Protein backbone atom coordinates (compact mmCIF):
# COMPACT_ATOMS: atom_id res chain seq x y z
CA UNK A 1 -8.46 16.27 -23.11
CA UNK A 2 -8.88 19.59 -21.37
CA UNK A 3 -12.20 21.47 -21.47
CA UNK A 4 -12.58 24.50 -23.70
CA UNK A 5 -13.13 28.01 -22.39
CA UNK A 6 -16.75 27.85 -23.55
CA UNK A 7 -17.38 24.53 -21.77
CA UNK A 8 -15.96 25.88 -18.51
CA UNK A 9 -17.99 29.07 -18.90
CA UNK A 10 -21.24 27.13 -19.25
CA UNK A 11 -20.46 24.83 -16.31
CA UNK A 12 -19.39 27.75 -14.09
CA UNK A 13 -22.59 29.63 -14.96
CA UNK A 14 -24.63 26.56 -14.03
CA UNK A 15 -22.95 26.51 -10.63
CA UNK A 16 -23.68 30.19 -10.14
CA UNK A 17 -27.34 29.62 -11.01
CA UNK A 18 -27.57 26.66 -8.68
CA UNK A 19 -26.06 28.72 -5.87
CA UNK A 20 -29.02 31.10 -6.24
CA UNK A 21 -27.21 33.80 -8.31
CA UNK A 22 -25.27 34.92 -5.25
CA UNK A 23 -22.13 36.93 -5.93
CA UNK A 24 -18.62 36.62 -4.57
CA UNK A 25 -17.88 33.07 -5.65
CA UNK A 26 -17.24 33.51 -9.36
CA UNK A 27 -13.59 32.46 -9.19
CA UNK A 28 -14.46 29.34 -7.19
CA UNK A 29 -17.25 28.46 -9.62
CA UNK A 30 -14.83 28.70 -12.52
CA UNK A 31 -12.08 26.68 -10.82
CA UNK A 32 -14.47 23.98 -9.62
CA UNK A 33 -16.16 23.71 -13.02
CA UNK A 34 -12.80 23.35 -14.74
CA UNK A 35 -11.73 20.73 -12.18
CA UNK A 36 -14.81 18.57 -12.73
CA UNK A 37 -14.77 18.92 -16.52
CA UNK A 38 -11.05 18.11 -16.67
CA UNK A 39 -11.57 14.87 -14.75
CA UNK A 40 -14.36 13.71 -17.04
CA UNK A 41 -12.37 14.73 -20.07
CA UNK A 42 -9.78 12.13 -19.06
CA UNK A 43 -11.93 9.37 -17.55
CA UNK A 44 -15.01 7.28 -18.27
CA UNK A 45 -16.79 4.91 -15.84
CA UNK A 46 -16.39 1.23 -16.66
CA UNK A 47 -18.04 -0.34 -13.60
CA UNK A 48 -20.44 0.93 -10.96
CA UNK A 49 -22.30 -0.94 -8.24
CA UNK A 50 -24.76 0.51 -5.77
CA UNK A 51 -24.27 -0.34 -2.10
CA UNK A 52 -28.06 -0.11 -1.57
CA UNK A 53 -29.33 -2.23 -4.45
CA UNK A 54 -29.89 -5.43 -2.47
CA UNK A 55 -28.42 -8.79 -3.36
CA UNK A 56 -25.81 -8.42 -6.12
CA UNK A 57 -23.20 -11.16 -6.58
CA UNK A 58 -20.42 -10.66 -9.12
CA UNK A 59 -18.72 -13.57 -10.89
CA UNK A 60 -21.21 -16.21 -9.75
CA UNK A 61 -20.86 -18.31 -12.89
CA UNK A 62 -20.06 -21.95 -13.68
CA UNK A 63 -16.36 -21.29 -14.36
CA UNK A 64 -15.24 -19.36 -11.31
CA UNK A 65 -11.59 -18.57 -10.64
CA UNK A 66 -10.13 -16.65 -7.70
CA UNK A 67 -9.11 -13.18 -8.85
CA UNK A 68 -6.01 -13.23 -6.69
CA UNK A 69 -4.57 -16.77 -6.73
CA UNK A 70 -6.36 -17.99 -9.92
CA UNK A 71 -7.40 -21.28 -8.35
CA UNK A 72 -10.78 -22.86 -9.15
CA UNK A 73 -13.46 -24.53 -6.98
CA UNK A 74 -11.84 -27.86 -7.81
CA UNK A 75 -8.66 -26.74 -6.09
CA UNK A 76 -9.86 -24.66 -3.15
CA UNK A 77 -13.05 -23.87 -1.25
CA UNK A 78 -14.76 -20.57 -2.05
CA UNK A 79 -17.51 -20.43 0.56
CA UNK A 80 -20.20 -17.76 0.50
CA UNK A 81 -19.84 -14.64 -1.69
CA UNK A 82 -17.67 -12.02 -0.04
CA UNK A 83 -18.68 -8.32 0.28
CA UNK A 84 -16.74 -5.91 -1.92
CA UNK A 85 -16.78 -3.17 0.73
CA UNK A 86 -16.01 -4.20 4.33
CA UNK A 87 -19.06 -3.59 6.51
CA UNK A 88 -21.51 -3.66 3.58
CA UNK A 89 -23.30 -6.87 2.64
CA UNK A 90 -23.77 -6.09 -1.06
CA UNK A 91 -22.40 -6.09 -3.67
CA UNK A 92 -20.45 -9.28 -3.08
CA UNK A 93 -18.13 -11.36 -5.23
CA UNK A 94 -17.97 -15.11 -5.73
CA UNK A 95 -14.44 -14.87 -7.15
CA UNK A 96 -12.35 -14.78 -3.96
CA UNK A 97 -11.38 -18.14 -2.46
CA UNK A 98 -11.46 -19.00 1.20
CA UNK A 99 -7.68 -19.26 1.52
CA UNK A 100 -7.08 -15.76 0.15
CA UNK A 101 -9.68 -14.47 2.59
CA UNK A 102 -8.12 -16.09 5.60
CA UNK A 103 -4.48 -15.56 4.66
CA UNK A 104 -4.58 -11.80 3.96
CA UNK A 105 -7.95 -10.29 3.01
CA UNK A 106 -9.71 -10.59 6.36
CA UNK A 107 -6.96 -8.60 8.17
CA UNK A 108 -7.09 -5.94 5.42
CA UNK A 109 -10.85 -5.61 5.86
CA UNK A 110 -10.46 -5.12 9.60
CA UNK A 111 -7.86 -2.39 9.07
CA UNK A 112 -10.04 -0.66 6.49
CA UNK A 113 -13.04 -0.59 8.82
CA UNK A 114 -10.91 1.00 11.55
CA UNK A 115 -9.58 3.55 9.06
CA UNK A 116 -13.07 4.39 7.77
CA UNK A 117 -14.45 4.85 11.30
CA UNK A 118 -11.58 7.17 12.25
CA UNK A 119 -11.91 9.06 8.97
CA UNK A 120 -15.54 9.89 9.76
CA UNK A 121 -14.33 11.95 12.75
CA UNK A 122 -10.93 13.15 11.56
CA UNK A 123 -10.44 14.30 7.94
CA UNK A 124 -6.68 13.97 8.33
CA UNK A 125 -6.66 10.37 9.55
CA UNK A 126 -3.40 8.72 8.43
CA UNK A 127 -3.79 6.31 5.53
CA UNK A 128 -2.16 2.99 6.36
CA UNK A 129 -0.79 0.58 3.77
CA UNK A 130 -3.30 -2.07 4.89
CA UNK A 131 -6.28 0.27 4.37
CA UNK A 132 -4.90 1.30 1.00
CA UNK A 133 -4.50 -2.35 0.01
CA UNK A 134 -8.07 -3.09 1.10
CA UNK A 135 -9.39 -0.43 -1.29
CA UNK A 136 -7.14 -1.69 -4.09
CA UNK A 137 -8.51 -5.19 -3.47
CA UNK A 138 -12.04 -3.83 -3.79
CA UNK A 139 -11.15 -2.23 -7.10
CA UNK A 140 -9.64 -5.48 -8.37
CA UNK A 141 -12.79 -7.33 -7.31
CA UNK A 142 -15.11 -5.16 -9.43
CA UNK A 143 -12.72 -4.72 -12.35
CA UNK A 144 -13.75 -6.24 -15.70
CA UNK A 145 -11.93 -9.57 -15.93
CA UNK A 146 -10.18 -8.60 -19.16
CA UNK A 147 -8.18 -5.90 -17.36
CA UNK A 148 -6.73 -8.10 -14.61
CA UNK A 149 -3.71 -9.02 -16.74
CA UNK A 150 -2.63 -5.36 -16.60
CA UNK A 151 -2.45 -5.56 -12.79
CA UNK A 152 -0.39 -8.68 -12.08
CA UNK A 153 2.07 -6.66 -9.96
CA UNK A 154 -0.78 -4.98 -8.08
CA UNK A 155 -2.39 -8.35 -7.33
CA UNK A 156 0.89 -9.68 -5.95
CA UNK A 157 1.38 -6.53 -3.86
CA UNK A 158 -2.16 -6.51 -2.44
CA UNK A 159 -2.03 -10.18 -1.46
CA UNK A 160 1.32 -9.91 0.35
CA UNK A 161 0.51 -9.82 4.09
CA UNK A 162 3.93 -8.35 4.93
CA UNK A 163 3.19 -4.67 4.29
CA UNK A 164 6.64 -3.42 5.28
CA UNK A 165 8.30 -5.73 2.78
CA UNK A 166 7.03 -3.85 -0.26
CA UNK A 167 6.06 -0.45 1.12
CA UNK A 168 8.86 1.28 -0.77
CA UNK A 169 7.19 0.34 -4.05
CA UNK A 170 4.47 2.91 -3.43
CA UNK A 171 6.39 5.86 -2.00
CA UNK A 172 4.47 9.03 -2.84
CA UNK A 173 1.07 7.32 -2.95
CA UNK A 174 -2.01 9.13 -1.70
CA UNK A 175 -5.79 9.11 -1.83
CA UNK A 176 -8.33 11.92 -2.04
CA UNK A 177 -11.21 12.23 0.44
CA UNK A 178 -14.32 14.32 -0.24
CA UNK A 179 -16.95 15.29 2.34
CA UNK A 180 -20.46 16.64 1.85
CA UNK A 181 -23.93 15.87 3.14
CA UNK A 182 -25.15 14.78 -0.28
CA UNK A 183 -22.52 12.02 -0.36
CA UNK A 184 -24.79 10.10 1.99
CA UNK A 185 -27.05 9.56 -1.01
CA UNK A 186 -26.66 6.74 -3.51
CA UNK A 187 -23.66 4.97 -1.91
CA UNK A 188 -21.70 3.12 -4.55
CA UNK A 189 -18.34 1.87 -5.77
CA UNK A 190 -17.24 3.08 -9.20
CA UNK A 191 -14.24 2.32 -11.36
CA UNK A 192 -13.02 4.86 -13.94
CA UNK A 193 -10.59 4.22 -16.79
CA UNK A 194 -8.64 6.90 -18.62
CA UNK A 195 -9.82 7.73 -22.13
CA UNK A 196 -6.46 8.21 -23.85
CA UNK A 197 -3.62 5.82 -23.08
CA UNK A 198 -1.09 8.56 -23.79
CA UNK A 199 -2.43 10.86 -21.06
CA UNK A 200 -0.09 11.05 -18.03
CA UNK A 201 -2.84 10.20 -15.54
CA UNK A 202 -3.38 6.91 -13.66
CA UNK A 203 -5.01 4.27 -15.83
CA UNK A 204 -7.69 3.27 -13.31
CA UNK A 205 -9.28 5.12 -10.38
CA UNK A 206 -11.54 3.59 -7.75
CA UNK A 207 -14.22 5.61 -5.94
CA UNK A 208 -16.04 4.57 -2.79
CA UNK A 209 -18.98 6.82 -1.86
CA UNK A 210 -20.78 6.25 1.45
CA UNK A 211 -21.55 7.81 4.85
CA UNK A 212 -21.12 11.40 3.64
CA UNK A 213 -17.64 10.73 2.25
CA UNK A 214 -16.15 9.77 -1.09
CA UNK A 215 -12.66 8.36 -1.32
CA UNK A 216 -10.66 8.32 -4.57
CA UNK A 217 -7.85 5.80 -5.01
CA UNK A 218 -5.67 5.36 -8.12
CA UNK A 219 -4.68 1.74 -8.64
CA UNK A 220 -0.91 1.23 -8.44
CA UNK A 221 1.46 -0.89 -10.48
CA UNK A 222 -0.51 -0.97 -13.72
CA UNK A 223 1.45 -2.25 -16.72
CA UNK A 224 -0.21 0.38 -18.92
CA UNK A 225 1.18 3.14 -16.72
CA UNK A 226 4.70 1.90 -17.32
CA UNK A 227 4.21 2.95 -20.95
CA UNK A 228 4.18 6.61 -19.86
CA UNK A 229 7.98 6.51 -20.15
CA UNK A 230 8.74 8.21 -16.86
CA UNK A 231 6.51 11.23 -17.40
CA UNK A 232 5.12 12.79 -14.24
CA UNK A 233 1.70 11.39 -13.40
CA UNK A 234 -1.00 14.01 -12.81
CA UNK A 235 -3.59 13.28 -10.12
CA UNK A 236 -6.92 14.78 -11.15
CA UNK A 237 -9.36 15.73 -8.42
CA UNK A 238 -13.09 16.32 -8.76
CA UNK A 239 -15.57 18.91 -7.52
CA UNK A 240 -19.03 17.27 -7.47
CA UNK A 241 -22.09 19.37 -6.58
CA UNK A 242 -25.66 18.80 -5.51
CA UNK A 243 -28.83 20.82 -4.95
CA UNK A 244 -29.83 24.41 -5.61
CA UNK A 245 -30.23 27.58 -3.56
CA UNK A 246 -29.76 27.05 0.16
CA UNK A 247 -29.34 23.32 -0.44
CA UNK A 248 -26.46 23.83 -2.87
CA UNK A 249 -23.30 22.04 -1.81
CA UNK A 250 -19.94 21.24 -3.40
CA UNK A 251 -17.47 18.59 -2.24
CA UNK A 252 -13.75 19.34 -2.34
CA UNK A 253 -10.82 17.00 -1.92
CA UNK A 254 -8.45 16.59 1.01
CA UNK A 255 -5.28 14.69 0.15
CA UNK A 256 -4.20 11.89 2.47
CA UNK A 257 -0.61 10.76 1.86
CA UNK A 258 0.21 7.14 2.47
CA UNK A 259 2.34 6.48 5.52
CA UNK A 260 5.25 4.17 4.64
CA UNK A 261 8.19 2.79 6.54
CA UNK A 262 11.50 4.66 6.51
CA UNK A 263 13.43 1.82 8.17
CA UNK A 264 15.33 0.95 5.02
CA UNK A 265 16.15 2.37 1.65
CA UNK A 266 14.33 0.91 -1.35
CA UNK A 267 16.18 -1.94 -3.02
CA UNK A 268 14.26 -1.64 -6.28
CA UNK A 269 11.61 0.58 -7.79
CA UNK A 270 8.53 -0.26 -9.79
CA UNK A 271 6.83 2.50 -11.77
CA UNK A 272 3.53 3.20 -10.02
CA UNK A 273 0.39 4.83 -11.27
CA UNK A 274 0.20 6.81 -8.05
CA UNK A 275 3.79 7.98 -7.67
CA UNK A 276 4.14 11.60 -8.63
C-alpha cells in the first residue's frame, strides 16, 4: 500500500518543522517522507529485541529443538545460550545446538565481526557471503517459530559451510546500510513482515541497529516469495529521522551488493526474495 498525497504532505511538513523551518530542503523532505511511509505501508514489525535490555534468552523452554538441525537435547548438547548478534551478550537463544555452532556458526560469527568492524570505517566495505549468512542466521534465530517452515531452503543455505558451493543461488543480493549519530541509541534487532502477501517485496526483512549504523537484510529463499510468480521484487529503503532544530538528523541508505564467485556458471536457480 502506497501512502496518499495527504499522508506524504503531513509527514514532509513534520520534517520541515523538525528541521527548524529552514528552507531549501522541501524536495528532500517530500522524498524522504514518502520513502519512510511507503516502507511502513508494506511492513509491520513481528519481533524486536533490545541489545541493551540485559539478560534475555529466547526459546529457553522444556521442549527445545535446534532451529537449524531440529535435534533435541536428548540427541545433542546445547550448552549455554548463544548470543543472537556476534559481539553482544544479549539477547541470546537456547535453540542452537553445540554441533551447529562448531560446524558452521562460529566461523560465520567471526566473519561478521570482521565485516562490522570494517564497515564502521568504510561505508563501502564489501559484503561477503559469510557475513550475509551470519545476519540471516540472526534473523532465523529471532523469527517466530511458526514461520520457520517457510525458510527451509534458507536454513539449508545458511548452515552450509561451503559458501562457494551455493553462492549462485543469491546472485543480485544486497543489503542496505544507514549511518547517523542517533543510531547509537536503542540498539536492537527487529524483524519485519510484509503486510500483503501479493506485494512484490521480500516477505521478511531483518534490521540490526547498533554503533551508529543500521543494516537492513531481506531474508532469501522464502517459500512465500516463490508465489510472486516471477514478478520483479522491489527493495524498499527507509529514511528514519531523529531530533529537532540543530539536532535534527536523517539516515539514508547505502547499498552494499553481495560479492559472489564468478568461477562457474549457475547450475540451477532458486527464486530468492533478494534477487531483483
